[in-house]
Amino acid sequence: MSLLKLDNISYHYDKSKVMVLNNLNMEFDAGKIYTIVGKSGAGKTTLLSVLSSLAAPTDGRIFLDGEDITRSDKYKFRSRHVGVIFQNFNLLTHLTALENVVLSMDISGKKFNRPKKEIALELLKKVGLSEDETTRRVLKLSGGQQQRVAIARALSYDPSIILADEPTGNLDGETQDEIIGIFRMLADEGKCVIIVTHSPEVAAASDKTYRLEKTK
């Protein structure tokens, strides 16, 4: 059984009858990296919004571990099961790397069996930040370092699914390879990693690629 399954998912904006997504059927397993590719306007970012429950599909159903979650508590799903990584990081720049991760843990409402700061430091170290870098304000970090903080933040409440929107779009080639390596590590640990990308290198490093086409 797939961890996440889309069953005939369609989506259109309220004031438009033009389908952005039309009868999509996709399956995502734990322990694998998936990439979603397609031309601009094909609905890639919309699909991520649907996968993260930021947008509800117009038609169709979404299953998590075989359970239909299409009409379930969207906030609970987002805060417990899905970690989202944005191209522009979406970090609070006046806070340190560590503070960004701890804040995400606070917002999730999840109970932790260890101090949050301790867990956050482990996550930041896991994605390649030094102890000194964890205490720097985000504005003092490079783009690659900020993306590592964003990944640690997405992992902070131990979600089973990681969604990433162009996570290497603002990074140089060497840093891109390092970020791909982190995603591979996460998949090897059992996470389901789903990445929207324009990068052929990122797509080539995935286990499966879904291509979206513009609807007519």
Protein backbone atom coordinates (compact mmCIF):
# COMPACT_ATOMS: atom_id res chain seq x y z
CA MET A 1 0.00 0.00 0.00
CA SER A 2 1.29 3.43 -0.92
CA LEU A 3 1.91 5.97 1.83
CA LEU A 4 0.16 8.72 -0.17
CA LYS A 5 -2.23 8.23 -3.08
CA LEU A 6 -4.07 10.67 -5.32
CA ASP A 7 -7.28 9.31 -6.83
CA ASN A 8 -8.62 11.32 -9.79
CA ILE A 9 -7.61 14.66 -8.29
CA SER A 10 -8.80 17.78 -10.12
CA TYR A 11 -8.54 21.42 -9.18
CA HIS A 12 -9.77 24.74 -10.54
CA TYR A 13 -9.91 28.18 -9.00
CA ASP A 14 -13.29 29.38 -7.75
CA LYS A 15 -13.82 31.97 -10.47
CA SER A 16 -12.49 29.85 -13.31
CA LYS A 17 -13.82 26.74 -15.01
CA VAL A 18 -10.40 25.96 -16.45
CA MET A 19 -8.89 22.94 -14.71
CA VAL A 20 -5.39 23.46 -13.35
CA LEU A 21 -5.18 19.80 -12.39
CA ASN A 22 -7.30 17.27 -14.23
CA ASN A 23 -7.92 13.70 -12.99
CA LEU A 24 -4.45 13.10 -11.57
CA ASN A 25 -3.63 9.63 -10.29
CA MET A 26 -0.32 9.34 -8.45
CA GLU A 27 1.16 7.11 -5.76
CA PHE A 28 4.02 7.92 -3.41
CA ASP A 29 5.86 5.40 -1.24
CA ALA A 30 7.92 5.85 1.89
CA GLY A 31 11.66 5.68 1.37
CA LYS A 32 11.68 7.20 -2.10
CA ILE A 33 12.34 10.53 -3.81
CA TYR A 34 9.77 11.74 -6.35
CA THR A 35 10.12 14.73 -8.64
CA ILE A 36 7.31 16.63 -10.32
CA VAL A 37 8.30 18.41 -13.51
CA GLY A 38 6.51 20.35 -16.25
CA LYS A 39 6.37 23.70 -17.97
CA SER A 40 5.30 26.86 -16.17
CA GLY A 41 1.55 26.88 -15.75
CA ALA A 42 1.26 23.08 -15.67
CA GLY A 43 0.07 23.15 -12.06
CA LYS A 44 3.17 21.97 -10.18
CA THR A 45 2.90 24.44 -7.30
CA THR A 46 -0.86 23.93 -7.17
CA LEU A 47 -0.26 20.20 -6.83
CA LEU A 48 2.05 20.82 -3.87
CA SER A 49 -0.65 22.99 -2.29
CA VAL A 50 -3.13 20.14 -2.68
CA LEU A 51 -0.65 17.58 -1.34
CA SER A 52 -0.02 19.73 1.73
CA SER A 53 -3.74 20.46 2.24
CA LEU A 54 -3.22 24.18 1.75
CA ALA A 55 -5.76 23.80 -1.06
CA ALA A 56 -8.63 21.32 -1.25
CA PRO A 57 -9.12 19.47 -4.54
CA THR A 58 -12.21 20.32 -6.55
CA ASP A 59 -12.76 16.62 -7.18
CA GLY A 60 -11.10 13.36 -6.24
CA ARG A 61 -9.70 11.87 -3.06
CA ILE A 62 -6.37 11.76 -1.23
CA PHE A 63 -5.39 8.73 0.82
CA LEU A 64 -2.77 8.60 3.59
CA ASP A 65 -1.92 5.03 4.58
CA GLY A 66 -5.18 3.94 2.95
CA GLU A 67 -7.34 6.45 4.87
CA ASP A 68 -9.29 9.05 2.92
CA ILE A 69 -8.08 12.40 4.26
CA THR A 70 -9.78 14.60 1.67
CA ARG A 71 -12.28 15.96 4.17
CA SER A 72 -10.23 15.48 7.34
CA ASP A 73 -8.67 18.08 9.63
CA LYS A 74 -6.34 19.97 7.29
CA TYR A 75 -4.34 21.66 10.04
CA LYS A 76 -3.67 18.39 11.83
CA PHE A 77 -2.52 16.79 8.58
CA ARG A 78 -0.15 19.67 7.77
CA SER A 79 1.26 19.97 11.28
CA ARG A 80 1.81 16.25 11.87
CA HIS A 81 2.40 14.48 8.56
CA VAL A 82 3.85 17.00 6.09
CA GLY A 83 6.97 19.16 6.15
CA VAL A 84 7.18 21.86 3.47
CA ILE A 85 10.37 23.41 2.07
CA PHE A 86 10.11 26.57 -0.02
CA GLN A 87 12.39 27.90 -2.75
CA ASN A 88 12.79 31.21 -0.94
CA PHE A 89 13.24 29.46 2.44
CA ASN A 90 10.42 31.42 4.23
CA LEU A 91 12.50 31.66 7.38
CA LEU A 92 12.13 34.36 10.03
CA THR A 93 15.29 36.28 9.27
CA HIS A 94 15.49 38.12 12.60
CA LEU A 95 15.73 34.78 14.42
CA THR A 96 18.64 32.36 14.60
CA ALA A 97 18.68 29.05 12.77
CA LEU A 98 17.98 27.28 16.06
CA GLU A 99 15.11 29.60 16.96
CA ASN A 100 13.46 29.00 13.57
CA VAL A 101 13.43 25.25 14.13
CA VAL A 102 12.22 25.44 17.73
CA LEU A 103 9.43 27.83 16.72
CA SER A 104 8.23 25.30 14.14
CA MET A 105 8.10 22.66 16.86
CA ASP A 106 6.08 25.01 19.07
CA ILE A 107 3.57 25.71 16.29
CA SER A 108 3.08 22.01 15.51
CA GLY A 109 1.49 21.41 18.91
CA LYS A 110 3.21 18.04 19.06
CA LYS A 111 4.48 16.69 22.38
CA PHE A 112 8.17 15.82 22.47
CA ASN A 113 9.89 13.44 24.85
CA ARG A 114 13.07 15.55 24.95
CA PRO A 115 13.82 19.28 25.12
CA LYS A 116 12.99 20.93 21.80
CA LYS A 117 16.29 22.78 21.68
CA GLU A 118 18.17 19.50 21.95
CA ILE A 119 16.20 17.95 19.09
CA ALA A 120 16.55 21.10 16.95
CA LEU A 121 20.33 21.15 17.41
CA GLU A 122 20.55 17.51 16.33
CA LEU A 123 18.51 18.23 13.21
CA LEU A 124 20.62 21.25 12.26
CA LYS A 125 23.78 19.20 12.72
CA LYS A 126 22.24 16.41 10.65
CA VAL A 127 21.74 18.73 7.66
CA GLY A 128 25.30 20.01 7.89
CA LEU A 129 25.32 23.15 10.04
CA SER A 130 28.01 23.72 12.63
CA GLU A 131 27.17 24.62 16.22
CA ASP A 132 28.29 28.18 15.56
CA GLU A 133 26.04 28.48 12.50
CA THR A 134 22.98 27.31 14.48
CA THR A 135 23.23 30.39 16.70
CA ARG A 136 23.60 32.90 13.86
CA ARG A 137 20.70 35.01 12.72
CA VAL A 138 19.39 33.65 9.43
CA LEU A 139 20.39 36.84 7.58
CA LYS A 140 24.02 36.02 8.37
CA LEU A 141 23.81 32.62 6.64
CA SER A 142 24.43 31.80 2.97
CA GLY A 143 21.64 30.61 0.68
CA GLY A 144 22.77 27.01 1.02
CA GLN A 145 22.90 27.30 4.80
CA GLN A 146 19.42 28.85 4.88
CA GLN A 147 18.06 25.98 2.82
CA ARG A 148 19.56 23.55 5.32
CA VAL A 149 17.76 25.41 8.10
CA ALA A 150 14.53 25.16 6.08
CA ILE A 151 15.01 21.41 5.74
CA ALA A 152 15.68 21.03 9.47
CA ARG A 153 12.56 23.06 10.19
CA ALA A 154 10.49 20.80 7.92
CA LEU A 155 11.82 17.78 9.82
CA SER A 156 11.27 19.28 13.26
CA TYR A 157 8.03 17.43 14.07
CA ASP A 158 9.11 14.22 12.29
CA PRO A 159 6.65 14.20 9.36
CA SER A 160 6.47 11.16 7.09
CA ILE A 161 6.22 13.32 3.94
CA ILE A 162 8.59 16.09 2.83
CA LEU A 163 7.36 18.47 0.11
CA ALA A 164 9.87 20.77 -1.55
CA ASP A 165 9.12 23.54 -4.06
CA GLU A 166 12.21 24.24 -6.22
CA PRO A 167 14.52 23.69 -3.24
CA THR A 168 17.69 24.12 -5.31
CA GLY A 169 16.44 26.90 -7.60
CA ASN A 170 18.53 29.61 -5.92
CA LEU A 171 21.64 27.51 -5.30
CA ASP A 172 24.85 26.89 -7.20
CA GLY A 173 25.66 23.48 -8.65
CA GLU A 174 27.86 22.26 -5.79
CA THR A 175 25.35 23.29 -3.13
CA GLN A 176 22.54 21.73 -5.17
CA ASP A 177 24.38 18.40 -5.08
CA GLU A 178 24.76 18.68 -1.31
CA ILE A 179 21.03 19.36 -0.87
CA ILE A 180 20.17 16.41 -3.13
CA GLY A 181 22.40 14.31 -0.89
CA ILE A 182 20.39 15.38 2.16
CA PHE A 183 17.12 14.42 0.45
CA ARG A 184 18.59 11.02 -0.43
CA MET A 185 19.62 10.53 3.19
CA LEU A 186 16.07 11.35 4.31
CA ALA A 187 14.56 8.90 1.81
CA ASP A 188 16.97 6.19 2.96
CA GLU A 189 15.70 6.82 6.50
CA GLY A 190 12.12 6.17 5.33
CA LYS A 191 10.79 9.62 4.44
CA CYS A 192 8.68 10.15 1.35
CA VAL A 193 10.29 13.10 -0.45
CA ILE A 194 8.34 14.93 -3.18
CA ILE A 195 10.13 17.70 -5.08
CA VAL A 196 8.87 20.18 -7.67
CA THR A 197 11.83 21.09 -9.85
CA HIS A 198 13.05 22.46 -13.14
CA SER A 199 16.48 20.93 -12.58
CA PRO A 200 17.39 17.91 -14.75
CA GLU A 201 20.00 16.97 -12.13
CA VAL A 202 17.43 16.84 -9.34
CA ALA A 203 15.02 14.83 -11.52
CA ALA A 204 17.80 12.41 -12.46
CA ALA A 205 18.57 11.81 -8.79
CA SER A 206 14.97 10.84 -7.97
CA ASP A 207 13.43 7.38 -7.92
CA LYS A 208 10.46 8.40 -10.05
CA THR A 209 9.40 11.50 -11.99
CA TYR A 210 5.84 12.63 -12.67
CA ARG A 211 5.42 15.05 -15.56
CA LEU A 212 2.51 17.50 -15.54
CA GLU A 213 1.08 18.90 -18.75
CA LYS A 214 -1.00 22.04 -19.11
CA THR A 215 -4.71 21.33 -19.14
CA LYS A 216 -6.72 22.48 -22.13
